[in-house]
Structure formats: structure tokens, C-alpha cells
C-alpha atoms as a PDB file:
ATOM      1  CA  MET A   1     -18.881  -6.348   7.001  1.00  0.00           C
ATOM      2  CA  ARG A   2     -20.983  -7.953   4.292  1.00  0.00           C
ATOM      3  CA  TRP A   3     -18.083  -8.222   1.860  1.00  0.00           C
ATOM      4  CA  GLN A   4     -19.714 -11.111  -0.007  1.00  0.00           C
ATOM      5  CA  ARG A   5     -21.800  -8.479  -1.850  1.00  0.00           C
ATOM      6  CA  ALA A   6     -18.778  -7.269  -3.808  1.00  0.00           C
ATOM      7  CA  ARG A   7     -17.721  -8.346  -7.278  1.00  0.00           C
ATOM      8  CA  ARG A   8     -14.637 -10.582  -7.303  1.00  0.00           C
ATOM      9  CA  SER A   9     -11.527  -9.322  -9.047  1.00  0.00           C
ATOM     10  CA  ASP A  10      -9.725 -11.449 -11.620  1.00  0.00           C
ATOM     11  CA  ASN A  11      -6.462  -9.620 -10.881  1.00  0.00           C
ATOM     12  CA  VAL A  12      -5.341 -11.599  -7.826  1.00  0.00           C
ATOM     13  CA  VAL A  13      -2.373 -13.911  -8.360  1.00  0.00           C
ATOM     14  CA  ASP A  14      -1.767 -16.648  -5.800  1.00  0.00           C
ATOM     15  CA  ALA A  15       2.000 -17.093  -5.399  1.00  0.00           C
ATOM     16  CA  ARG A  16       1.857 -18.610  -1.917  1.00  0.00           C
ATOM     17  CA  GLY A  17       4.178 -21.519  -1.436  1.00  0.00           C
ATOM     18  CA  ARG A  18       6.543 -20.236  -4.096  1.00  0.00           C
ATOM     19  CA  ARG A  19       9.496 -17.913  -3.954  1.00  0.00           C
ATOM     20  CA  GLY A  20      10.049 -15.155  -6.448  1.00  0.00           C
ATOM     21  CA  ARG A  21      12.459 -16.126  -9.193  1.00  0.00           C
ATOM     22  CA  ARG A  22      15.225 -14.231 -10.908  1.00  0.00           C
ATOM     23  CA  LEU A  23      15.923 -14.403 -14.614  1.00  0.00           C
ATOM     24  CA  GLY A  24      19.434 -15.369 -15.557  1.00  0.00           C
ATOM     25  CA  GLY A  25      19.945 -17.543 -12.489  1.00  0.00           C
ATOM     26  CA  GLY A  26      21.139 -14.714 -10.236  1.00  0.00           C
ATOM     27  CA  ARG A  27      20.166 -14.218  -6.619  1.00  0.00           C
ATOM     28  CA  GLY A  28      17.824 -11.529  -5.404  1.00  0.00           C
ATOM     29  CA  LEU A  29      18.986  -8.731  -3.158  1.00  0.00           C
ATOM     30  CA  SER A  30      18.619  -9.323   0.547  1.00  0.00           C
ATOM     31  CA  LEU A  31      16.765  -6.832   2.720  1.00  0.00           C
ATOM     32  CA  GLY A  32      20.150  -5.613   3.924  1.00  0.00           C
ATOM     33  CA  GLY A  33      21.223  -5.088   0.333  1.00  0.00           C
ATOM     34  CA  ILE A  34      18.060  -3.169  -0.428  1.00  0.00           C
ATOM     35  CA  ALA A  35      18.624  -0.989   2.647  1.00  0.00           C
ATOM     36  CA  ILE A  36      22.135  -0.153   1.435  1.00  0.00           C
ATOM     37  CA  VAL A  37      20.852   0.727  -2.027  1.00  0.00           C
ATOM     38  CA  VAL A  38      18.170   2.980  -0.519  1.00  0.00           C
ATOM     39  CA  ALA A  39      20.715   4.702   1.747  1.00  0.00           C
ATOM     40  CA  VAL A  40      23.156   5.289  -1.110  1.00  0.00           C
ATOM     41  CA  GLY A  41      20.345   6.541  -3.335  1.00  0.00           C
ATOM     42  CA  LEU A  42      19.210   9.072  -0.732  1.00  0.00           C
ATOM     43  CA  LEU A  43      22.775  10.299  -0.237  1.00  0.00           C
ATOM     44  CA  LEU A  44      23.320  10.710  -3.964  1.00  0.00           C
ATOM     45  CA  GLY A  45      19.895  12.162  -4.622  1.00  0.00           C
ATOM     46  CA  GLU A  46      18.960   9.230  -6.847  1.00  0.00           C
ATOM     47  CA  ASP A  47      15.739   7.265  -6.894  1.00  0.00           C
ATOM     48  CA  PRO A  48      16.415   3.952  -5.086  1.00  0.00           C
ATOM     49  CA  LEU A  49      13.751   2.219  -7.179  1.00  0.00           C
ATOM     50  CA  GLN A  50      15.608   3.170 -10.347  1.00  0.00           C
ATOM     51  CA  ILE A  51      18.878   1.912  -8.902  1.00  0.00           C
ATOM     52  CA  LEU A  52      17.234  -1.376  -7.970  1.00  0.00           C
ATOM     53  CA  GLY A  53      15.841  -1.619 -11.462  1.00  0.00           C
ATOM     54  CA  GLN A  54      19.287  -1.065 -12.967  1.00  0.00           C
ATOM     55  CA  LEU A  55      20.784  -3.745 -10.744  1.00  0.00           C
ATOM     56  CA  ALA A  56      18.001  -6.081 -11.724  1.00  0.00           C
ATOM     57  CA  GLY A  57      18.701  -5.423 -15.375  1.00  0.00           C
ATOM     58  CA  GLN A  58      22.350  -6.396 -14.980  1.00  0.00           C
ATOM     59  CA  SER A  59      22.823  -9.834 -13.432  1.00  0.00           C
ATOM     60  CA  GLY A  60      19.348 -11.043 -14.337  1.00  0.00           C
ATOM     61  CA  ALA A  61      16.105  -9.162 -14.078  1.00  0.00           C
ATOM     62  CA  LEU A  62      13.894  -9.581 -11.070  1.00  0.00           C
ATOM     63  CA  VAL A  63      10.409 -10.680 -12.023  1.00  0.00           C
ATOM     64  CA  PRO A  64       7.333 -10.882  -9.856  1.00  0.00           C
ATOM     65  CA  SER A  65       6.446 -14.248  -8.433  1.00  0.00           C
ATOM     66  CA  GLN A  66       4.174 -16.147 -10.765  1.00  0.00           C
ATOM     67  CA  GLY A  67       1.317 -18.309  -9.635  1.00  0.00           C
ATOM     68  CA  SER A  68      -2.204 -19.311 -10.398  1.00  0.00           C
ATOM     69  CA  GLN A  69      -5.314 -17.240  -9.966  1.00  0.00           C
ATOM     70  CA  ALA A  70      -6.380 -17.273  -6.333  1.00  0.00           C
ATOM     71  CA  PRO A  71      -8.735 -20.235  -5.730  1.00  0.00           C
ATOM     72  CA  ALA A  72     -12.382 -19.326  -5.282  1.00  0.00           C
ATOM     73  CA  ASN A  73     -12.853 -21.823  -2.450  1.00  0.00           C
ATOM     74  CA  ASP A  74     -10.264 -20.164  -0.204  1.00  0.00           C
ATOM     75  CA  PRO A  75     -12.113 -17.774   2.177  1.00  0.00           C
ATOM     76  CA  GLN A  76      -9.100 -15.499   2.640  1.00  0.00           C
ATOM     77  CA  SER A  77      -8.329 -15.118  -1.044  1.00  0.00           C
ATOM     78  CA  GLU A  78     -12.058 -14.768  -1.740  1.00  0.00           C
ATOM     79  CA  PHE A  79     -12.127 -11.817   0.665  1.00  0.00           C
ATOM     80  CA  VAL A  80      -9.117 -10.232  -1.020  1.00  0.00           C
ATOM     81  CA  ARG A  81     -10.683 -10.695  -4.452  1.00  0.00           C
ATOM     82  CA  ALA A  82     -13.885  -9.061  -3.209  1.00  0.00           C
ATOM     83  CA  ILE A  83     -12.137  -6.007  -1.753  1.00  0.00           C
ATOM     84  CA  LEU A  84      -9.859  -5.572  -4.759  1.00  0.00           C
ATOM     85  CA  GLY A  85     -12.820  -5.989  -7.088  1.00  0.00           C
ATOM     86  CA  ASP A  86     -14.692  -3.201  -5.400  1.00  0.00           C
ATOM     87  CA  THR A  87     -11.676  -0.881  -5.470  1.00  0.00           C
ATOM     88  CA  GLU A  88     -11.587  -1.517  -9.216  1.00  0.00           C
ATOM     89  CA  ASP A  89     -15.258  -0.622  -9.588  1.00  0.00           C
ATOM     90  CA  THR A  90     -14.857   2.506  -7.473  1.00  0.00           C
ATOM     91  CA  TRP A  91     -11.742   3.897  -9.118  1.00  0.00           C
ATOM     92  CA  ARG A  92     -12.920   3.075 -12.636  1.00  0.00           C
ATOM     93  CA  GLU A  93     -16.018   5.153 -11.947  1.00  0.00           C
ATOM     94  CA  ILE A  94     -14.099   8.037 -10.386  1.00  0.00           C
ATOM     95  CA  PHE A  95     -11.515   8.123 -13.176  1.00  0.00           C
ATOM     96  CA  GLN A  96     -14.223   7.914 -15.832  1.00  0.00           C
ATOM     97  CA  GLY A  97     -15.927  10.902 -14.243  1.00  0.00           C
ATOM     98  CA  ALA A  98     -12.679  12.825 -14.714  1.00  0.00           C
ATOM     99  CA  ASN A  99     -12.306  11.639 -18.346  1.00  0.00           C
ATOM    100  CA  ARG A 100      -9.410   9.384 -17.436  1.00  0.00           C
ATOM    101  CA  GLN A 101      -8.897   5.651 -17.707  1.00  0.00           C
ATOM    102  CA  TYR A 102      -8.162   3.556 -14.648  1.00  0.00           C
ATOM    103  CA  ARG A 103      -5.738   0.657 -15.075  1.00  0.00           C
ATOM    104  CA  ASP A 104      -6.323  -2.133 -12.598  1.00  0.00           C
ATOM    105  CA  PRO A 105      -3.343  -3.185 -10.481  1.00  0.00           C
ATOM    106  CA  THR A 106      -2.530  -6.836  -9.840  1.00  0.00           C
ATOM    107  CA  LEU A 107      -2.486  -8.094  -6.269  1.00  0.00           C
ATOM    108  CA  VAL A 108       0.028 -10.854  -5.517  1.00  0.00           C
ATOM    109  CA  LEU A 109      -0.559 -13.109  -2.535  1.00  0.00           C
ATOM    110  CA  PHE A 110       2.716 -14.503  -1.209  1.00  0.00           C
ATOM    111  CA  ARG A 111       3.999 -16.301   1.815  1.00  0.00           C
ATOM    112  CA  GLY A 112       7.347 -15.641   3.459  1.00  0.00           C
ATOM    113  CA  ALA A 113       9.167 -13.724   0.725  1.00  0.00           C
ATOM    114  CA  VAL A 114       8.686 -12.416  -2.784  1.00  0.00           C
ATOM    115  CA  ASN A 115      10.530 -10.751  -5.656  1.00  0.00           C
ATOM    116  CA  SER A 116       9.062  -7.674  -7.270  1.00  0.00           C
ATOM    117  CA  ALA A 117      10.253  -5.027  -9.686  1.00  0.00           C
ATOM    118  CA  CYS A 118      11.239  -3.061  -6.556  1.00  0.00           C
ATOM    119  CA  GLY A 119      13.494  -5.848  -5.268  1.00  0.00           C
ATOM    120  CA  PHE A 120      13.337  -8.763  -2.872  1.00  0.00           C
ATOM    121  CA  ALA A 121      11.257  -8.500   0.291  1.00  0.00           C
ATOM    122  CA  ASP A 122      10.099 -10.783   3.049  1.00  0.00           C
ATOM    123  CA  SER A 123       6.935 -10.660   5.099  1.00  0.00           C
ATOM    124  CA  ALA A 124       8.528  -8.398   7.711  1.00  0.00           C
ATOM    125  CA  VAL A 125       8.101  -5.373   5.440  1.00  0.00           C
ATOM    126  CA  GLY A 126       4.309  -5.807   5.500  1.00  0.00           C
ATOM    127  CA  PRO A 127       1.996  -5.193   2.540  1.00  0.00           C
ATOM    128  CA  PHE A 128       3.498  -2.947  -0.114  1.00  0.00           C
ATOM    129  CA  TYR A 129       2.878  -1.491  -3.556  1.00  0.00           C
ATOM    130  CA  CYS A 130       5.574  -1.476  -6.218  1.00  0.00           C
ATOM    131  CA  PRO A 131       5.191   1.263  -8.854  1.00  0.00           C
ATOM    132  CA  GLY A 132       7.725  -0.522 -11.057  1.00  0.00           C
ATOM    133  CA  ASP A 133       5.298  -3.330 -11.884  1.00  0.00           C
ATOM    134  CA  GLN A 134       2.097  -1.705 -10.570  1.00  0.00           C
ATOM    135  CA  ARG A 135       1.414  -4.596  -8.224  1.00  0.00           C
ATOM    136  CA  VAL A 136       0.270  -4.839  -4.619  1.00  0.00           C
ATOM    137  CA  TYR A 137       2.041  -7.515  -2.574  1.00  0.00           C
ATOM    138  CA  LEU A 138       0.351  -9.077   0.428  1.00  0.00           C
ATOM    139  CA  ASP A 139       1.252 -11.868   2.816  1.00  0.00           C
ATOM    140  CA  LEU A 140      -2.024 -12.775   4.495  1.00  0.00           C
ATOM    141  CA  GLY A 141      -0.093 -13.475   7.686  1.00  0.00           C
ATOM    142  CA  PHE A 142       0.024  -9.691   8.138  1.00  0.00           C
ATOM    143  CA  PHE A 143      -3.656  -9.745   9.028  1.00  0.00           C
ATOM    144  CA  ARG A 144      -2.918 -12.088  11.943  1.00  0.00           C
ATOM    145  CA  GLU A 145      -0.167  -9.723  13.077  1.00  0.00           C
ATOM    146  CA  LEU A 146      -2.536  -6.794  12.726  1.00  0.00           C
ATOM    147  CA  GLU A 147      -4.918  -8.537  15.095  1.00  0.00           C
ATOM    148  CA  ARG A 148      -2.455  -9.983  17.613  1.00  0.00           C
ATOM    149  CA  ARG A 149       0.339  -7.419  17.729  1.00  0.00           C
ATOM    150  CA  PHE A 150      -1.574  -4.245  16.959  1.00  0.00           C
ATOM    151  CA  GLU A 151      -4.958  -5.262  18.362  1.00  0.00           C
ATOM    152  CA  ALA A 152      -6.626  -4.133  15.153  1.00  0.00           C
ATOM    153  CA  ALA A 153      -8.933  -7.001  14.281  1.00  0.00           C
ATOM    154  CA  GLY A 154     -11.809  -7.109  11.823  1.00  0.00           C
ATOM    155  CA  ASP A 155     -12.487  -7.533   8.136  1.00  0.00           C
ATOM    156  CA  PHE A 156     -12.912  -3.808   7.505  1.00  0.00           C
ATOM    157  CA  ALA A 157      -9.508  -3.202   9.112  1.00  0.00           C
ATOM    158  CA  GLN A 158      -8.080  -5.643   6.575  1.00  0.00           C
ATOM    159  CA  ALA A 159     -10.008  -3.973   3.764  1.00  0.00           C
ATOM    160  CA  TYR A 160      -8.494  -0.622   4.792  1.00  0.00           C
ATOM    161  CA  VAL A 161      -4.985  -2.086   4.446  1.00  0.00           C
ATOM    162  CA  ILE A 162      -5.701  -3.307   0.907  1.00  0.00           C
ATOM    163  CA  ALA A 163      -7.375  -0.039  -0.061  1.00  0.00           C
ATOM    164  CA  HIS A 164      -4.395   1.949   1.249  1.00  0.00           C
ATOM    165  CA  GLU A 165      -2.015   0.032  -1.024  1.00  0.00           C
ATOM    166  CA  VAL A 166      -4.388   0.483  -3.951  1.00  0.00           C
ATOM    167  CA  GLY A 167      -4.299   4.182  -3.044  1.00  0.00           C
ATOM    168  CA  HIS A 168      -0.591   4.152  -3.903  1.00  0.00           C
ATOM    169  CA  HIS A 169      -1.510   2.721  -7.297  1.00  0.00           C
ATOM    170  CA  VAL A 170      -3.950   5.588  -7.799  1.00  0.00           C
ATOM    171  CA  GLN A 171      -1.113   7.979  -6.935  1.00  0.00           C
ATOM    172  CA  THR A 172       1.049   6.338  -9.590  1.00  0.00           C
ATOM    173  CA  LEU A 173      -1.649   6.770 -12.227  1.00  0.00           C
ATOM    174  CA  LEU A 174      -2.176  10.409 -11.215  1.00  0.00           C
ATOM    175  CA  GLY A 175       1.539  11.194 -11.381  1.00  0.00           C
ATOM    176  CA  VAL A 176       1.942  11.834  -7.651  1.00  0.00           C
ATOM    177  CA  SER A 177       4.523   9.092  -7.189  1.00  0.00           C
ATOM    178  CA  ALA A 178       6.617  10.463 -10.059  1.00  0.00           C
ATOM    179  CA  LYS A 179       6.662  13.921  -8.462  1.00  0.00           C
ATOM    180  CA  VAL A 180       7.849  12.492  -5.143  1.00  0.00           C
ATOM    181  CA  SER A 181      10.537  10.548  -6.993  1.00  0.00           C
ATOM    182  CA  ALA A 182      11.626  13.712  -8.813  1.00  0.00           C
ATOM    183  CA  ALA A 183      11.895  15.536  -5.477  1.00  0.00           C
ATOM    184  CA  ARG A 184      14.175  12.773  -4.246  1.00  0.00           C
ATOM    185  CA  GLN A 185      16.365  13.143  -7.320  1.00  0.00           C
ATOM    186  CA  ARG A 186      16.633  16.878  -6.646  1.00  0.00           C
ATOM    187  CA  GLY A 187      18.024  16.022  -3.237  1.00  0.00           C
ATOM    188  CA  GLU A 188      15.021  17.123  -1.210  1.00  0.00           C
ATOM    189  CA  ARG A 189      14.612  15.520   2.191  1.00  0.00           C
ATOM    190  CA  LEU A 190      11.575  13.261   2.134  1.00  0.00           C
ATOM    191  CA  GLU A 191      11.473  11.967   5.713  1.00  0.00           C
ATOM    192  CA  GLY A 192      10.154  13.859   8.716  1.00  0.00           C
ATOM    193  CA  ASP A 193       6.804  14.738  10.200  1.00  0.00           C
ATOM    194  CA  ASN A 194       6.169  17.325   7.476  1.00  0.00           C
ATOM    195  CA  GLY A 195       7.995  15.506   4.683  1.00  0.00           C
ATOM    196  CA  LEU A 196       6.811  14.309   1.308  1.00  0.00           C
ATOM    197  CA  LEU A 197       6.770  10.643   2.321  1.00  0.00           C
ATOM    198  CA  VAL A 198       4.372  11.376   5.164  1.00  0.00           C
ATOM    199  CA  ARG A 199       2.185  13.436   2.844  1.00  0.00           C
ATOM    200  CA  GLN A 200       2.208  10.644   0.287  1.00  0.00           C
ATOM    201  CA  GLU A 201       1.190   8.027   2.849  1.00  0.00           C
ATOM    202  CA  LEU A 202      -1.519  10.199   4.366  1.00  0.00           C
ATOM    203  CA  GLN A 203      -2.930  10.812   0.919  1.00  0.00           C
ATOM    204  CA  ALA A 204      -3.114   7.034   0.403  1.00  0.00           C
ATOM    205  CA  ASP A 205      -5.067   6.834   3.674  1.00  0.00           C
ATOM    206  CA  CYS A 206      -7.451   9.500   2.386  1.00  0.00           C
ATOM    207  CA  LEU A 207      -7.848   7.648  -0.910  1.00  0.00           C
ATOM    208  CA  ALA A 208      -8.716   4.518   1.052  1.00  0.00           C
ATOM    209  CA  GLY A 209     -11.408   6.576   2.743  1.00  0.00           C
ATOM    210  CA  VAL A 210     -12.730   7.792  -0.612  1.00  0.00           C
ATOM    211  CA  TRP A 211     -13.025   4.184  -1.757  1.00  0.00           C
ATOM    212  CA  ALA A 212     -14.806   3.220   1.474  1.00  0.00           C
ATOM    213  CA  TYR A 213     -17.339   6.034   1.000  1.00  0.00           C
ATOM    214  CA  HIS A 214     -18.263   4.965  -2.519  1.00  0.00           C
ATOM    215  CA  ALA A 215     -18.253   1.262  -1.671  1.00  0.00           C
ATOM    216  CA  GLN A 216     -20.693   1.851   1.174  1.00  0.00           C
ATOM    217  CA  ARG A 217     -23.027   3.892  -1.009  1.00  0.00           C
ATOM    218  CA  ARG A 218     -22.991   1.216  -3.680  1.00  0.00           C
ATOM    219  CA  LEU A 219     -23.174  -1.940  -1.553  1.00  0.00           C
ATOM    220  CA  ASP A 220     -24.412  -0.862   1.887  1.00  0.00           C
ATOM    221  CA  TRP A 221     -22.103  -3.485   3.323  1.00  0.00           C
ATOM    222  CA  LEU A 222     -20.833  -1.935   6.555  1.00  0.00           C
ATOM    223  CA  GLU A 223     -22.166  -3.229   9.860  1.00  0.00           C
ATOM    224  CA  PRO A 224     -22.016  -1.618  13.316  1.00  0.00           C
ATOM    225  CA  GLY A 225     -18.395  -1.394  14.448  1.00  0.00           C
ATOM    226  CA  ASP A 226     -16.850  -1.758  10.976  1.00  0.00           C
ATOM    227  CA  LEU A 227     -15.802   1.879  10.633  1.00  0.00           C
ATOM    228  CA  GLU A 228     -14.209   1.722  14.078  1.00  0.00           C
ATOM    229  CA  GLU A 229     -12.190  -1.289  12.901  1.00  0.00           C
ATOM    230  CA  ALA A 230     -10.629   0.706  10.068  1.00  0.00           C
ATOM    231  CA  LEU A 231      -9.956   3.712  12.305  1.00  0.00           C
ATOM    232  CA  ASN A 232      -8.398   1.429  14.903  1.00  0.00           C
ATOM    233  CA  ALA A 233      -6.101  -0.055  12.265  1.00  0.00           C
ATOM    234  CA  ALA A 234      -5.051   3.415  11.065  1.00  0.00           C
ATOM    235  CA  ASN A 235      -4.400   4.437  14.651  1.00  0.00           C
ATOM    236  CA  ALA A 236      -2.388   1.284  15.381  1.00  0.00           C
ATOM    237  CA  ILE A 237       0.171   1.816  12.624  1.00  0.00           C
ATOM    238  CA  GLY A 238       1.041   5.471  13.072  1.00  0.00           C
ATOM    239  CA  ASP A 239       4.739   6.349  13.187  1.00  0.00           C
ATOM    240  CA  ASP A 240       4.536   7.718  16.719  1.00  0.00           C
ATOM    241  CA  ARG A 241       2.856   4.648  18.150  1.00  0.00           C
ATOM    242  CA  LEU A 242       5.134   2.194  16.346  1.00  0.00           C
ATOM    243  CA  GLN A 243       8.274   4.082  17.386  1.00  0.00           C
ATOM    244  CA  GLN A 244       7.128   4.281  20.991  1.00  0.00           C
ATOM    245  CA  GLN A 245       6.552   0.528  21.029  1.00  0.00           C
ATOM    246  CA  ALA A 246       9.841  -0.324  19.313  1.00  0.00           C
ATOM    247  CA  ARG A 247      12.241   2.311  20.721  1.00  0.00           C
ATOM    248  CA  GLY A 248      10.520   3.715  23.758  1.00  0.00           C
ATOM    249  CA  GLN A 249      10.657   7.189  22.228  1.00  0.00           C
ATOM    250  CA  VAL A 250       9.245   9.110  19.270  1.00  0.00           C
ATOM    251  CA  VAL A 251      11.553  10.639  16.634  1.00  0.00           C
ATOM    252  CA  PRO A 252       9.486  12.910  14.335  1.00  0.00           C
ATOM    253  CA  ASP A 253      12.451  13.580  12.029  1.00  0.00           C
ATOM    254  CA  SER A 254      12.321   9.937  10.941  1.00  0.00           C
ATOM    255  CA  PHE A 255       8.582   9.765  10.262  1.00  0.00           C
ATOM    256  CA  THR A 256       7.566   8.250   6.932  1.00  0.00           C
ATOM    257  CA  HIS A 257       3.840   7.496   7.343  1.00  0.00           C
ATOM    258  CA  GLY A 258       2.388  10.032   9.768  1.00  0.00           C
ATOM    259  CA  THR A 259       1.141   9.882  13.323  1.00  0.00           C
ATOM    260  CA  SER A 260      -1.793   7.774  14.440  1.00  0.00           C
ATOM    261  CA  ALA A 261      -3.984  10.867  14.732  1.00  0.00           C
ATOM    262  CA  GLN A 262      -3.022  12.031  11.249  1.00  0.00           C
ATOM    263  CA  ARG A 263      -3.734   8.669   9.667  1.00  0.00           C
ATOM    264  CA  VAL A 264      -7.146   8.544  11.286  1.00  0.00           C
ATOM    265  CA  ARG A 265      -7.896  12.146  10.308  1.00  0.00           C
ATOM    266  CA  TRP A 266      -7.081  11.680   6.628  1.00  0.00           C
ATOM    267  CA  PHE A 267      -8.962   8.403   6.308  1.00  0.00           C
ATOM    268  CA  LYS A 268     -11.979  10.154   7.824  1.00  0.00           C
ATOM    269  CA  ALA A 269     -11.521  13.081   5.410  1.00  0.00           C
ATOM    270  CA  GLY A 270     -11.860  10.717   2.467  1.00  0.00           C
ATOM    271  CA  PHE A 271     -14.642   8.662   3.988  1.00  0.00           C
ATOM    272  CA  GLY A 272     -16.628  11.704   5.038  1.00  0.00           C
ATOM    273  CA  SER A 273     -16.695  13.293   1.594  1.00  0.00           C
ATOM    274  CA  GLY A 274     -15.902  10.674  -1.025  1.00  0.00           C
ATOM    275  CA  GLU A 275     -14.167  13.445  -2.955  1.00  0.00           C
ATOM    276  CA  LEU A 276     -10.732  13.019  -4.466  1.00  0.00           C
ATOM    277  CA  GLY A 277     -10.108  16.745  -4.099  1.00  0.00           C
ATOM    278  CA  ARG A 278     -10.251  16.448  -0.315  1.00  0.00           C
ATOM    279  CA  CYS A 279      -7.085  14.336  -0.383  1.00  0.00           C
ATOM    280  CA  ASP A 280      -4.559  17.021  -1.342  1.00  0.00           C
ATOM    281  CA  THR A 281      -2.193  16.419   1.531  1.00  0.00           C
ATOM    282  CA  PHE A 282       0.652  18.062  -0.383  1.00  0.00           C
ATOM    283  CA  SER A 283      -0.985  21.506  -0.259  1.00  0.00           C
ATOM    284  CA  SER A 284      -2.397  21.185   3.233  1.00  0.00           C
ATOM    285  CA  ALA A 285      -0.774  23.366   5.888  1.00  0.00           C
ATOM    286  CA  ARG A 286      -2.108  21.101   8.621  1.00  0.00           C
ATOM    287  CA  LEU A 287      -1.500  17.388   8.433  1.00  0.00           C
END
């Protein structure tokens, strides 16, 4: 992948080597605490993110880790800046074509653990997007795990991961995330192989594909084998494959991201057309 052709984003914050801080001197929630909040929220039909935000507003607000702009001489951060920069160019153009304005997200590089508006998290949760502060959080160590544990190596595989998280930001701007949150508040079940969480994640995969289509047309940066790298990464992190590896069995009722085949299919749907309208996973009868 000739990623050096892309424009570098100025919206990457390097918070590696620092822990997230909490205003007011309080301590952040542990992962166990977050899990309890999420469980209680689902039982009560409340949005866990709102509950976390309320807790943060009480004994000291959680704020994202602060740091300097990612150094230009760091190859890894340079790659991230290039991919994020091209997602910005792509989505600005697509939004402008629809008479809308695209707001760039910030991508925070961290190591080990980080605080966000969605709570405290460590690297075990993997890359994530927080709608509360409209930031993508990434520990670059995940890319090593992607290669070693999931056998999904390659720079375009890594680009797919970043583009998927940016896809969640696009969903926030389009109001999709708010609708899923409202469904949770109404007490609707979100998990399961046909649930809203799966549809939301598969749409983010499709949006990553839309970005990849436009980026390739603009930069002609893909090399032989690059597309296979992204498809391999999508295949490696499907719910069915991960559950089989971790539990020895597959439990569709607990799916949150979709099967390997579904993730591949929806990425290909976006990449094959480049059309946002092809990513309506919420109306699709077949996932």
C-alpha cells in the first residue's frame, strides 16, 4: 500500500506514555465498573454512555488524555496520520455532495490505558470510538495483535481498522448512533445476530469500504494483495470466529459485531460501489 501518497491529518493526538487524567482528583472507573454500569443500563433501558457521563460529572469529570501532536518522524504515527487524513478528505467530499458539513474526529494514540468521555479503558478493549467526545482511540499495539493473534497482517488491514472506527464517527454525524441509543432507552434488545448492534457494526464496515473505494480512485495507492489484507482482517474479527476461539462454541444471541462472512460482505459492498446508500444495514433483510 502506497500510503505515503495521502495527506497527513493534523487531528492525531499522541498521548502514549501518559495515562488519562480525571478532573477533581477522582479515580476513573475500572473495566469491571464500566461492565456493571453497562449491565445496569441495559436492564433499566438506559443508555450506558449517558450513565457514565453522569458519573463522570459527579466526582470529577473524565477528560480525554492530552498529549502533543503525533511526531512526524515516527513511522507508525505517520501512517495513522496519512490514513486519517484521507478519511477526512473522502468524507468531506461525500458530505459536501449531500449538502452537509463533515466534522473531523480526533484520533488519540495511547499506550496501555486511556480515559475518554465514555469512561476508562485499557488496551484489551481494542480500538474504539467514543461518541461522547467524537474521538477515535487507538493503541498501536493492537496492530501487532492483529498480525500475531489473528494472522491479519498488512498496512491495508490496519487502515481498515482505522476506517471502521471513523465509520462510527460518520454514523454519529448522520444520527444513526442516536437512533440506536434511543432504541436502547426504549428497552429494545440490541444484541444478537439480527440485532441493532450487529447492524451498526456492519454498517461501519461498509462505510470503511466506501472510504477505501474513494481513496483508491483518488490516490491509486493499493498494491496486489492489499484488498485481501483488509478482507482477511474483517474475517478474523467476526463474532463467530472470535467466540469459537475463546469459548469453543458460537452463541449467536450474544453477537455484537456480525459474523466473519457478514463483515467481509459489507466491506465489499462499500468498496464495490463507493455509495453511501449501499450501506443501509438497518433496512436490509439479509445481513
